[in-house]
């Protein structure tokens, strides 16, 4: 049995885009965000679930890209979102 997560093979983007970072979808609608998250599959930056529009979760639900990382300065973490974990569900 392997102890390595198979989702790690889907990581294509690890470096954050150059500052200033913004939630592209919030910018389009003049929305506000609290924190930013980046998809490790395609690099899409979206707002966190504490933000009113939850665009990072919406991206996960639309694409199925499960790995995200913090796009906040000095934060170095990633998380695997799974539909059955409550981390990707808007419900």
N, C-alpha and C. Protein backbone atom coordinates (compact mmCIF):
# COMPACT_ATOMS: atom_id res chain seq x y z
N UNK A 1 0.84 -1.17 0.00
CA UNK A 1 0.00 0.00 0.00
C UNK A 1 0.89 1.25 0.00
N UNK A 2 0.61 2.18 -0.90
CA UNK A 2 1.40 3.39 -1.01
C UNK A 2 0.97 4.43 0.01
N UNK A 3 1.94 5.13 0.58
CA UNK A 3 1.62 6.18 1.54
C UNK A 3 1.61 7.56 0.88
N UNK A 4 1.86 7.62 -0.43
CA UNK A 4 1.86 8.87 -1.15
C UNK A 4 0.50 9.11 -1.79
N UNK A 5 -0.01 10.30 -1.63
CA UNK A 5 -1.30 10.67 -2.20
C UNK A 5 -1.18 10.74 -3.73
N UNK A 6 -2.06 10.06 -4.43
CA UNK A 6 -2.02 10.06 -5.90
C UNK A 6 -2.34 11.42 -6.49
N UNK A 7 -3.00 12.28 -5.72
CA UNK A 7 -3.34 13.62 -6.22
C UNK A 7 -2.10 14.49 -6.40
N UNK A 8 -1.01 14.16 -5.73
CA UNK A 8 0.20 14.96 -5.85
C UNK A 8 0.74 14.97 -7.27
N UNK A 9 0.43 13.93 -8.04
CA UNK A 9 0.86 13.87 -9.44
C UNK A 9 0.19 14.92 -10.30
N UNK A 10 -0.93 15.49 -9.83
CA UNK A 10 -1.66 16.48 -10.62
C UNK A 10 -1.15 17.90 -10.41
N UNK A 11 -0.18 18.10 -9.51
CA UNK A 11 0.34 19.45 -9.26
C UNK A 11 1.13 19.91 -10.48
N UNK A 12 0.69 21.02 -11.05
CA UNK A 12 1.37 21.58 -12.21
C UNK A 12 1.90 22.98 -11.94
N UNK A 13 1.32 23.67 -10.97
CA UNK A 13 1.70 25.05 -10.64
C UNK A 13 1.96 25.12 -9.14
N UNK A 14 3.12 25.60 -8.75
CA UNK A 14 3.42 25.72 -7.33
C UNK A 14 3.77 27.15 -6.93
N UNK A 15 4.30 27.92 -7.84
CA UNK A 15 4.71 29.29 -7.53
C UNK A 15 3.54 30.25 -7.69
N UNK A 16 3.43 31.15 -6.73
CA UNK A 16 2.39 32.17 -6.80
C UNK A 16 2.69 33.16 -7.92
N UNK A 17 1.65 33.73 -8.52
CA UNK A 17 1.87 34.79 -9.49
C UNK A 17 2.49 36.00 -8.79
N UNK A 18 3.00 36.92 -9.57
CA UNK A 18 3.59 38.11 -8.97
C UNK A 18 2.52 38.98 -8.32
N UNK A 19 2.91 39.66 -7.26
CA UNK A 19 2.00 40.56 -6.54
C UNK A 19 1.72 41.79 -7.42
N UNK A 20 0.62 42.44 -7.24
CA UNK A 20 -0.39 42.17 -6.21
C UNK A 20 -1.34 41.07 -6.67
N UNK A 21 -1.68 40.19 -5.74
CA UNK A 21 -2.61 39.10 -6.03
C UNK A 21 -4.04 39.57 -5.77
N UNK A 22 -4.96 39.01 -6.53
CA UNK A 22 -6.38 39.36 -6.37
C UNK A 22 -7.22 38.19 -6.80
N UNK A 23 -8.43 38.11 -6.30
CA UNK A 23 -9.41 37.14 -6.79
C UNK A 23 -9.98 37.71 -8.08
N UNK A 24 -9.66 37.07 -9.20
CA UNK A 24 -10.09 37.57 -10.51
C UNK A 24 -11.61 37.71 -10.60
N UNK A 25 -12.31 36.74 -10.04
CA UNK A 25 -13.77 36.77 -10.12
C UNK A 25 -14.35 37.91 -9.27
N UNK A 26 -13.78 38.17 -8.10
CA UNK A 26 -14.24 39.29 -7.28
C UNK A 26 -13.97 40.62 -7.98
N UNK A 27 -12.82 40.74 -8.63
CA UNK A 27 -12.49 41.97 -9.34
C UNK A 27 -13.55 42.24 -10.40
N UNK A 28 -14.00 41.21 -11.11
CA UNK A 28 -15.01 41.38 -12.16
C UNK A 28 -16.33 41.93 -11.63
N UNK A 29 -16.67 41.57 -10.39
CA UNK A 29 -17.97 41.97 -9.84
C UNK A 29 -17.84 43.02 -8.73
N UNK A 30 -16.64 43.59 -8.59
CA UNK A 30 -16.36 44.56 -7.53
C UNK A 30 -16.63 43.95 -6.16
N UNK A 31 -16.26 42.68 -6.00
CA UNK A 31 -16.45 41.97 -4.75
C UNK A 31 -15.26 42.15 -3.82
N UNK A 32 -15.42 41.71 -2.61
CA UNK A 32 -14.37 41.78 -1.58
C UNK A 32 -13.96 40.38 -1.18
N UNK A 33 -12.72 40.22 -0.74
CA UNK A 33 -12.24 38.92 -0.28
C UNK A 33 -11.44 39.09 1.00
N UNK A 34 -11.35 37.99 1.75
CA UNK A 34 -10.57 37.99 2.99
C UNK A 34 -9.18 37.41 2.76
N UNK A 35 -9.13 36.20 2.19
CA UNK A 35 -7.87 35.52 1.94
C UNK A 35 -7.94 34.89 0.55
N UNK A 36 -6.77 34.62 -0.01
CA UNK A 36 -6.71 34.06 -1.35
C UNK A 36 -6.13 32.65 -1.32
N UNK A 37 -6.62 31.83 -2.23
CA UNK A 37 -6.16 30.45 -2.41
C UNK A 37 -5.79 30.26 -3.88
N UNK A 38 -4.82 29.39 -4.14
CA UNK A 38 -4.42 29.11 -5.52
C UNK A 38 -4.56 27.63 -5.84
N UNK A 39 -5.15 27.34 -6.97
CA UNK A 39 -5.28 25.96 -7.46
C UNK A 39 -3.91 25.48 -7.91
N UNK A 40 -3.50 24.32 -7.41
CA UNK A 40 -2.20 23.76 -7.77
C UNK A 40 -2.22 23.01 -9.10
N UNK A 41 -3.37 22.87 -9.69
CA UNK A 41 -3.47 22.23 -11.00
C UNK A 41 -3.33 23.25 -12.13
N UNK A 42 -4.03 24.40 -12.00
CA UNK A 42 -4.03 25.36 -13.11
C UNK A 42 -3.57 26.77 -12.71
N UNK A 43 -3.39 27.03 -11.42
CA UNK A 43 -2.91 28.32 -10.98
C UNK A 43 -3.98 29.38 -10.74
N UNK A 44 -5.23 29.02 -10.89
CA UNK A 44 -6.33 29.98 -10.67
C UNK A 44 -6.31 30.46 -9.22
N UNK A 45 -6.40 31.77 -9.03
CA UNK A 45 -6.44 32.36 -7.70
C UNK A 45 -7.87 32.77 -7.41
N UNK A 46 -8.38 32.33 -6.25
CA UNK A 46 -9.75 32.67 -5.86
C UNK A 46 -9.82 32.96 -4.38
N UNK A 47 -10.93 33.54 -3.97
CA UNK A 47 -11.11 33.90 -2.56
C UNK A 47 -11.54 32.69 -1.74
N UNK A 48 -11.22 32.76 -0.44
CA UNK A 48 -11.45 31.66 0.48
C UNK A 48 -12.93 31.54 0.88
N UNK A 49 -13.23 30.51 1.64
CA UNK A 49 -14.61 30.27 2.08
C UNK A 49 -15.08 31.25 3.14
N UNK A 50 -14.20 32.04 3.74
CA UNK A 50 -14.62 33.10 4.65
C UNK A 50 -14.98 34.38 3.90
N UNK A 51 -14.73 34.39 2.60
CA UNK A 51 -15.09 35.53 1.75
C UNK A 51 -16.53 35.34 1.28
N UNK A 52 -17.24 36.43 1.01
CA UNK A 52 -18.66 36.31 0.63
C UNK A 52 -18.92 35.44 -0.59
N UNK A 53 -18.03 35.45 -1.58
CA UNK A 53 -18.32 34.76 -2.84
C UNK A 53 -17.66 33.39 -3.00
N UNK A 54 -16.74 33.04 -2.14
CA UNK A 54 -16.13 31.70 -2.10
C UNK A 54 -15.71 31.19 -3.48
N UNK A 55 -14.96 32.00 -4.23
CA UNK A 55 -14.60 31.63 -5.59
C UNK A 55 -13.62 30.46 -5.68
N UNK A 56 -12.78 30.24 -4.68
CA UNK A 56 -11.88 29.08 -4.73
C UNK A 56 -12.69 27.78 -4.68
N UNK A 57 -13.70 27.75 -3.83
CA UNK A 57 -14.57 26.58 -3.76
C UNK A 57 -15.37 26.41 -5.05
N UNK A 58 -15.86 27.52 -5.59
CA UNK A 58 -16.60 27.45 -6.86
C UNK A 58 -15.71 26.87 -7.96
N UNK A 59 -14.43 27.24 -7.98
CA UNK A 59 -13.50 26.70 -8.97
C UNK A 59 -13.35 25.19 -8.79
N UNK A 60 -13.21 24.75 -7.56
CA UNK A 60 -13.12 23.31 -7.29
C UNK A 60 -14.37 22.58 -7.78
N UNK A 61 -15.52 23.12 -7.48
CA UNK A 61 -16.78 22.47 -7.88
C UNK A 61 -16.96 22.44 -9.39
N UNK A 62 -16.47 23.46 -10.08
CA UNK A 62 -16.59 23.52 -11.55
C UNK A 62 -15.58 22.63 -12.25
N UNK A 63 -14.38 22.51 -11.70
CA UNK A 63 -13.30 21.82 -12.40
C UNK A 63 -12.93 20.47 -11.81
N UNK A 64 -13.18 20.29 -10.52
CA UNK A 64 -12.73 19.08 -9.85
C UNK A 64 -11.26 19.11 -9.47
N UNK A 65 -10.60 20.26 -9.62
CA UNK A 65 -9.19 20.39 -9.22
C UNK A 65 -9.14 20.42 -7.70
N UNK A 66 -8.61 19.37 -7.05
CA UNK A 66 -8.76 19.23 -5.60
C UNK A 66 -7.67 19.86 -4.73
N UNK A 67 -6.51 20.18 -5.28
CA UNK A 67 -5.42 20.68 -4.45
C UNK A 67 -5.31 22.19 -4.53
N UNK A 68 -5.31 22.83 -3.36
CA UNK A 68 -5.11 24.27 -3.30
C UNK A 68 -4.02 24.59 -2.29
N UNK A 69 -3.46 25.78 -2.42
CA UNK A 69 -2.51 26.27 -1.44
C UNK A 69 -2.91 27.68 -1.05
N UNK A 70 -2.40 28.13 0.07
CA UNK A 70 -2.63 29.51 0.47
C UNK A 70 -1.87 30.42 -0.50
N UNK A 71 -2.49 31.54 -0.82
CA UNK A 71 -1.83 32.55 -1.62
C UNK A 71 -1.51 33.77 -0.75
N UNK A 72 -1.47 33.54 0.54
CA UNK A 72 -1.17 34.61 1.50
C UNK A 72 0.33 34.65 1.80
N UNK A 73 0.86 35.86 2.00
CA UNK A 73 2.29 35.97 2.33
C UNK A 73 2.63 35.19 3.59
N UNK A 74 3.74 34.52 3.56
CA UNK A 74 4.30 33.79 4.71
C UNK A 74 3.49 32.56 5.12
N UNK A 75 2.54 32.15 4.32
CA UNK A 75 1.82 30.90 4.60
C UNK A 75 2.28 29.84 3.61
N UNK A 76 2.63 28.69 4.14
CA UNK A 76 3.13 27.59 3.31
C UNK A 76 2.32 26.34 3.61
N UNK A 77 1.12 26.22 3.06
CA UNK A 77 0.33 25.02 3.27
C UNK A 77 -0.48 24.72 2.03
N UNK A 78 -0.88 23.48 1.92
CA UNK A 78 -1.79 23.06 0.85
C UNK A 78 -2.81 22.11 1.47
N UNK A 79 -3.93 21.95 0.77
CA UNK A 79 -4.98 21.06 1.26
C UNK A 79 -5.60 20.33 0.07
N UNK A 80 -6.00 19.10 0.32
CA UNK A 80 -6.72 18.30 -0.66
C UNK A 80 -8.20 18.43 -0.35
N UNK A 81 -8.96 18.96 -1.29
CA UNK A 81 -10.40 19.08 -1.12
C UNK A 81 -11.07 17.84 -1.70
N UNK A 82 -12.01 17.31 -0.96
CA UNK A 82 -12.78 16.17 -1.43
C UNK A 82 -14.25 16.50 -1.23
N UNK A 83 -15.08 16.14 -2.21
CA UNK A 83 -16.51 16.47 -2.08
C UNK A 83 -17.14 15.92 -0.81
N UNK A 84 -16.69 14.78 -0.32
CA UNK A 84 -17.30 14.16 0.86
C UNK A 84 -16.67 14.64 2.17
N UNK A 85 -15.71 15.57 2.09
CA UNK A 85 -15.03 16.02 3.30
C UNK A 85 -15.62 17.28 3.91
N UNK A 86 -16.49 17.95 3.16
CA UNK A 86 -17.02 19.21 3.63
C UNK A 86 -16.12 20.39 3.27
N UNK A 87 -14.93 20.12 2.74
CA UNK A 87 -14.03 21.20 2.37
C UNK A 87 -14.30 21.74 0.97
N UNK A 88 -15.17 21.09 0.23
CA UNK A 88 -15.43 21.57 -1.11
C UNK A 88 -16.89 21.77 -1.38
N UNK A 89 -17.69 21.66 -0.38
CA UNK A 89 -19.12 21.70 -0.57
C UNK A 89 -19.70 23.04 -0.15
N UNK A 90 -20.52 23.61 -1.01
CA UNK A 90 -21.18 24.86 -0.68
C UNK A 90 -22.48 24.60 0.07
N UNK A 91 -22.91 23.35 0.09
CA UNK A 91 -24.18 22.95 0.64
C UNK A 91 -24.49 23.36 1.98
